[in-house]
Protein backbone atom coordinates (compact mmCIF):
# COMPACT_ATOMS: atom_id res chain seq x y z
CA MET A 1 64.71 75.00 76.88
CA SER A 2 66.95 76.05 73.63
CA LYS A 3 68.41 77.94 76.88
CA LEU A 4 68.62 73.92 79.00
CA LYS A 5 70.15 72.90 76.19
CA THR A 6 72.41 74.51 75.66
CA GLN A 7 73.76 74.24 79.49
CA PHE A 8 73.45 71.01 78.75
CA GLY A 9 75.54 70.49 75.51
CA THR A 10 77.77 72.61 77.60
CA LEU A 11 78.02 70.53 80.29
CA LEU A 12 78.77 67.51 78.40
CA THR A 13 81.58 69.35 76.14
CA LEU A 14 83.09 70.11 78.96
CA LEU A 15 83.16 66.49 80.20
CA ILE A 16 84.24 65.09 77.46
CA VAL A 17 87.33 67.77 77.29
CA VAL A 18 88.44 66.79 81.09
CA CYS A 19 88.09 62.88 80.79
CA ASN A 20 90.03 63.03 78.10
CA PHE A 21 92.52 65.12 79.78
CA ASN A 22 92.59 62.73 82.55
CA THR A 23 93.37 59.95 80.54
CA LEU A 24 96.47 62.25 79.26
CA VAL A 25 97.74 62.99 82.82
CA ALA A 26 101.48 61.84 83.25
CA GLN A 27 101.50 59.23 86.00
CA ASP A 28 104.30 59.09 88.11
CA SER A 29 105.14 55.72 89.36
CA LYS A 30 108.54 53.83 90.82
CA VAL A 31 110.73 50.51 90.10
CA VAL A 32 109.40 47.46 91.65
CA LEU A 33 111.97 45.49 92.50
CA ALA A 34 109.85 42.19 93.09
CA GLU A 35 109.55 41.52 89.04
CA SER A 36 113.08 44.24 88.56
CA LYS A 37 116.03 42.63 87.33
CA LEU A 38 119.64 43.80 86.34
CA LYS A 39 122.73 42.13 85.32
CA VAL A 40 126.08 43.19 84.25
CA LEU A 41 128.35 40.70 82.35
CA GLY A 42 131.59 40.50 81.50
CA THR A 43 135.20 38.93 80.25
CA SER A 44 138.58 37.70 81.78
CA ASN A 45 141.63 36.44 80.38
CA VAL A 46 140.21 32.31 82.30
CA HIS A 47 135.93 33.08 81.80
CA ASP A 48 132.94 35.70 81.42
CA TRP A 49 131.57 36.07 84.36
CA GLU A 50 128.23 37.87 85.28
CA ILE A 51 126.89 39.85 88.54
CA GLU A 52 123.41 40.80 89.25
CA ALA A 53 121.74 43.88 91.43
CA LYS A 54 120.31 43.27 94.15
CA GLY A 55 118.87 46.66 95.21
CA MET A 56 117.69 48.78 93.46
CA ASN A 57 115.30 51.53 92.54
CA GLY A 58 114.09 54.64 90.94
CA LYS A 59 111.00 57.09 89.09
CA ALA A 60 110.03 57.98 86.23
CA THR A 61 107.03 59.68 85.08
CA MET A 62 104.84 59.03 81.92
CA THR A 63 102.15 60.47 79.83
CA ILE A 64 100.55 57.41 78.80
CA ASP A 65 96.97 56.39 77.09
CA ALA A 66 95.27 53.73 76.59
CA GLY A 67 98.31 52.01 76.42
CA ASP A 68 99.85 54.31 74.66
CA LEU A 69 103.10 56.11 74.66
CA LYS A 70 102.92 59.69 74.63
CA ALA A 71 106.14 60.91 76.84
CA ILE A 72 108.49 60.35 79.25
CA LYS A 73 108.29 63.69 81.49
CA SER A 74 111.55 61.60 83.61
CA LEU A 75 113.28 58.60 84.11
CA ASP A 76 116.33 57.14 86.33
CA PHE A 77 117.73 54.85 87.74
CA THR A 78 119.66 53.66 91.29
CA VAL A 79 121.66 50.88 91.92
CA GLU A 80 122.97 50.18 95.26
CA VAL A 81 126.84 49.20 94.33
CA GLU A 82 127.62 46.96 97.29
CA GLN A 83 124.43 44.84 96.77
CA LEU A 84 125.57 43.71 93.76
CA LYS A 85 126.36 40.00 93.50
CA SER A 86 127.87 37.10 91.64
CA GLY A 87 127.68 34.58 94.90
CA LYS A 88 131.57 34.69 95.23
CA SER A 89 131.96 36.79 98.46
CA GLY A 90 136.10 37.62 96.40
CA MET A 91 134.45 38.73 93.03
CA ASP A 92 131.88 41.06 95.14
CA ASN A 93 135.00 42.64 97.26
CA ASN A 94 137.15 43.41 94.34
CA THR A 95 134.47 44.47 92.25
CA TYR A 96 133.76 47.16 95.33
CA LYS A 97 136.94 47.95 95.70
CA ALA A 98 137.15 48.84 91.54
CA LEU A 99 134.08 50.83 92.09
CA ASN A 100 135.07 52.83 95.47
CA SER A 101 132.02 51.81 97.00
CA LYS A 102 133.08 53.34 100.92
CA THR A 103 133.03 56.33 98.81
CA HIS A 104 130.40 56.13 95.93
CA LYS A 105 127.59 53.87 97.15
CA THR A 106 125.35 53.77 93.35
CA ILE A 107 125.53 53.75 90.19
CA ASN A 108 122.69 57.21 88.58
CA PHE A 109 120.76 56.90 85.14
CA LYS A 110 119.17 59.63 84.56
CA VAL A 111 117.70 60.18 81.47
CA THR A 112 118.21 63.97 80.54
CA ASN A 113 116.31 64.14 76.49
CA VAL A 114 113.66 61.77 74.72
CA SER A 115 114.41 61.94 71.34
CA LYS A 116 111.96 59.66 69.54
CA ILE A 117 109.61 57.56 70.86
CA THR A 118 108.19 54.64 68.25
CA GLU A 119 105.46 52.88 68.39
CA ALA A 120 106.98 48.69 67.50
CA SER A 121 104.04 46.73 68.22
CA ALA A 122 100.34 47.46 69.75
CA GLY A 123 101.61 48.25 73.82
CA SER A 124 105.81 48.22 73.18
CA PHE A 125 107.61 50.97 72.24
CA THR A 126 111.75 51.91 71.64
CA VAL A 127 112.22 54.81 72.61
CA GLU A 128 116.08 56.92 72.06
CA THR A 129 117.17 58.69 74.57
CA GLN A 130 120.20 60.51 76.52
CA GLY A 131 121.10 60.53 79.85
CA ASP A 132 123.91 60.76 82.54
CA LEU A 133 124.83 58.24 83.63
CA THR A 134 126.99 57.94 87.33
CA ILE A 135 129.83 55.61 87.10
CA SER A 136 132.29 55.49 90.55
CA GLY A 137 131.39 59.70 90.98
CA VAL A 138 132.63 60.21 87.79
CA THR A 139 129.45 60.75 85.08
CA LYS A 140 128.71 61.44 81.33
CA LYS A 141 126.39 62.05 78.89
CA ILE A 142 125.58 58.61 76.60
CA ASN A 143 122.78 58.25 73.95
CA GLN A 144 120.40 55.18 75.62
CA THR A 145 117.61 52.68 73.06
CA PHE A 146 115.23 50.70 75.00
CA ALA A 147 112.25 49.22 75.22
CA VAL A 148 109.03 49.84 76.58
CA LYS A 149 106.10 47.84 77.03
CA ILE A 150 102.47 48.65 79.09
CA VAL A 151 101.22 46.78 80.70
CA GLY A 152 98.06 48.23 82.65
CA LYS A 153 99.67 50.59 84.90
CA LYS A 154 102.74 48.54 84.30
CA ALA A 155 105.26 50.01 82.41
CA ILE A 156 108.94 47.71 81.64
CA VAL A 157 112.05 48.31 80.23
CA SER A 158 114.33 46.82 79.04
CA GLY A 159 117.91 46.96 76.43
CA LYS A 160 121.14 46.47 76.92
CA THR A 161 124.16 49.22 76.82
CA LYS A 162 128.06 48.59 76.48
CA ILE A 163 130.03 50.42 78.75
CA ASP A 164 134.18 50.87 79.08
CA MET A 165 134.63 50.78 82.67
CA THR A 166 138.03 53.10 82.53
CA THR A 167 136.30 56.29 80.43
CA TYR A 168 134.86 56.68 84.01
CA SER A 169 137.87 55.53 86.02
CA VAL A 170 137.21 51.84 86.42
CA LYS A 171 140.72 50.49 87.14
CA PRO A 172 139.25 46.14 85.56
CA PRO A 173 139.49 44.10 88.74
CA THR A 174 142.32 41.32 89.68
CA ALA A 175 142.00 38.54 91.20
CA LEU A 176 144.75 35.60 92.54
CA MET A 177 147.59 37.94 92.95
CA GLY A 178 146.09 39.78 89.28
CA THR A 179 146.54 36.54 87.90
CA ILE A 180 142.72 36.93 86.53
CA LYS A 181 142.21 40.18 84.37
CA THR A 182 138.53 41.37 83.36
CA GLY A 183 138.14 43.33 80.05
CA LYS A 184 137.26 46.57 80.54
CA ASP A 185 134.21 46.65 78.44
CA VAL A 186 130.89 45.23 80.64
CA THR A 187 127.44 44.62 79.49
CA VAL A 188 124.17 45.78 81.55
CA ASP A 189 121.92 43.92 80.33
CA PHE A 190 118.09 45.62 82.33
CA LYS A 191 114.34 44.69 82.15
CA VAL A 192 113.16 46.92 84.77
CA THR A 193 109.58 47.40 86.00
CA TYR A 194 107.90 51.41 86.35
CA ASN A 195 104.67 51.25 88.98
């Protein structure tokens, strides 16, 4: 009887360990386009402007345990340059030309290091990362802090980042024979769902 109890106890312990291990397995997920939004906000000598990404994708591998973000193993994000839309074809074409979209069809960000994950509230976290941002074929290392909200199996990643376009050898677009000039700094405002 005691041998049976010992075997049962060993089996129970093994089941508990396996169940706990399963909750900590890294979860692979992809960008849900219908639930994601990215806007680029800029200025000009005439008025402020914005352009929205209609085509984007990416993937992430995160370790989530009962709504708690334990780790981000990998995270990347890609925007299709010619799917940036302002609602004005002239502005869009100037943007594509400035970003050299014929040669460099995408803008890419890839996390290379996660330095800190801080719980802001239940299911919400602030994540400090470093990553590679590639625009018009030029890659720069940047620091990027973003918020992550865990909703079931979904991770909603949001934040803002300011970019000096000239750092990526992008000449700020102009219009109407140079009379409208855009500022060199833009702000990328994003809220992207991974599932």
